[in-house]
Amino acid sequence: MRRIVKLFVWAIVLFLAPTAAFAADGQATSGLAIGAGIAIGMAGLGCGIGQGLTAGNTTAGIARNPGAAGAMFTNFILGMVLIESISIYGLVIAIMLQNKI
C-alpha cells in the first residue's frame, strides 16, 4: 500500500512541476489543464472499477442461476449505462476546463 501512495505522490509532484515552471511566465492556465486531466482520469478509473465489479458479479450470478440470466442481463445493462454516464460527466468537466484555457 505504501508503494501505491508513494507512486501517487510522485505522480502529483511530476504533474505540478511544469505548473511551477510556467508560473514564471505569468500563465495560470496550466492548472486548468491539470484539472482537466485529473477529472477525466479519475472518472475513467472509477468507472473502470465499477464496470469490472458489475460484470464480475453478474457473471457469477448467472453461473450460479442460469435461469435468471434474462433479468440479470437487463439489470447489468442498466447498471453499465449508469456507470458510463459518470465517465461522460468527467469528460464534460474536462472539456469545460479545456475551453477556459
Protein backbone atom coordinates (compact mmCIF):
# COMPACT_ATOMS: atom_id res chain seq x y z
CA MET A 1 0.00 0.00 0.00
CA ARG A 2 2.88 2.34 0.76
CA ARG A 3 4.24 1.85 -2.76
CA ILE A 4 0.95 2.91 -4.29
CA VAL A 5 0.76 6.01 -2.10
CA LYS A 6 4.38 6.85 -2.88
CA LEU A 7 3.75 6.39 -6.62
CA PHE A 8 0.66 8.60 -6.44
CA VAL A 9 2.52 11.35 -4.57
CA TRP A 10 5.39 11.33 -7.08
CA ALA A 11 2.93 11.43 -9.97
CA ILE A 12 1.29 14.52 -8.47
CA VAL A 13 4.71 16.13 -7.97
CA LEU A 14 5.67 15.44 -11.58
CA PHE A 15 2.36 16.86 -12.81
CA LEU A 16 2.71 20.01 -10.73
CA ALA A 17 6.38 20.69 -11.59
CA PRO A 18 5.51 22.19 -15.02
CA THR A 19 2.90 24.36 -13.31
CA ALA A 20 5.60 25.98 -11.21
CA ALA A 21 7.79 26.46 -14.28
CA PHE A 22 5.03 28.12 -16.31
CA ALA A 23 4.03 30.32 -13.38
CA ALA A 24 7.12 32.43 -14.05
CA ASP A 25 5.69 33.30 -17.47
CA GLY A 26 2.54 34.69 -15.90
CA GLN A 27 0.28 31.99 -17.35
CA ALA A 28 -2.10 30.45 -14.86
CA THR A 29 -3.77 28.15 -17.38
CA SER A 30 -1.65 25.08 -16.73
CA GLY A 31 -3.64 24.41 -13.54
CA LEU A 32 -6.79 24.10 -15.65
CA ALA A 33 -5.09 21.59 -17.92
CA ILE A 34 -4.01 19.52 -14.94
CA GLY A 35 -7.55 19.73 -13.54
CA ALA A 36 -8.98 18.52 -16.84
CA GLY A 37 -6.59 15.59 -16.90
CA ILE A 38 -7.36 14.65 -13.33
CA ALA A 39 -11.13 14.95 -13.96
CA ILE A 40 -11.14 12.55 -16.88
CA GLY A 41 -8.58 10.26 -15.28
CA MET A 42 -10.45 9.85 -12.02
CA ALA A 43 -13.76 9.41 -13.84
CA GLY A 44 -12.24 6.73 -16.04
CA LEU A 45 -10.61 4.99 -13.09
CA GLY A 46 -13.80 4.93 -11.05
CA CYS A 47 -15.91 3.75 -13.96
CA GLY A 48 -13.44 1.03 -14.85
CA ILE A 49 -13.54 -0.33 -11.31
CA GLY A 50 -17.33 -0.11 -11.22
CA GLN A 51 -17.76 -1.85 -14.55
CA GLY A 52 -15.36 -4.61 -13.57
CA LEU A 53 -17.22 -5.27 -10.34
CA THR A 54 -20.58 -5.18 -12.09
CA ALA A 55 -19.53 -7.53 -14.87
CA GLY A 56 -17.85 -9.95 -12.47
CA ASN A 57 -20.79 -10.13 -10.11
CA THR A 58 -23.30 -10.51 -12.94
CA THR A 59 -21.26 -13.33 -14.48
CA ALA A 60 -21.02 -15.07 -11.11
CA GLY A 61 -24.77 -14.67 -10.58
CA ILE A 62 -25.59 -16.11 -14.00
CA ALA A 63 -23.19 -19.01 -13.38
CA ARG A 64 -24.97 -19.83 -10.12
CA ASN A 65 -28.51 -19.45 -11.51
CA PRO A 66 -28.66 -19.67 -15.32
CA GLY A 67 -32.47 -19.41 -15.23
CA ALA A 68 -32.29 -15.81 -14.03
CA ALA A 69 -29.95 -14.71 -16.81
CA GLY A 70 -32.59 -12.60 -18.55
CA ALA A 71 -33.42 -10.49 -15.51
CA MET A 72 -29.76 -10.19 -14.54
CA PHE A 73 -28.77 -9.13 -18.03
CA THR A 74 -31.34 -6.33 -18.06
CA ASN A 75 -30.08 -5.01 -14.72
CA PHE A 76 -26.49 -5.45 -15.93
CA ILE A 77 -27.06 -3.29 -19.00
CA LEU A 78 -28.87 -0.64 -16.94
CA GLY A 79 -26.02 -0.59 -14.41
CA MET A 80 -23.41 -0.25 -17.17
CA VAL A 81 -25.29 2.68 -18.68
CA LEU A 82 -25.44 4.47 -15.33
CA ILE A 83 -21.74 3.80 -14.66
CA GLU A 84 -20.82 5.07 -18.11
CA SER A 85 -22.77 8.29 -17.52
CA ILE A 86 -20.33 9.14 -14.72
CA SER A 87 -17.40 8.99 -17.13
CA ILE A 88 -19.31 11.22 -19.54
CA TYR A 89 -19.71 13.78 -16.73
CA GLY A 90 -15.93 13.65 -16.22
CA LEU A 91 -15.41 14.19 -19.94
CA VAL A 92 -17.78 17.17 -19.92
CA ILE A 93 -15.94 18.73 -16.97
CA ALA A 94 -12.59 18.16 -18.71
CA ILE A 95 -13.86 19.77 -21.92
CA MET A 96 -15.25 22.74 -19.98
CA LEU A 97 -11.87 23.23 -18.27
CA GLN A 98 -10.00 22.91 -21.56
CA ASN A 99 -12.21 25.56 -23.17
CA LYS A 100 -11.26 28.05 -20.44
CA ILE A 101 -7.58 27.82 -21.42
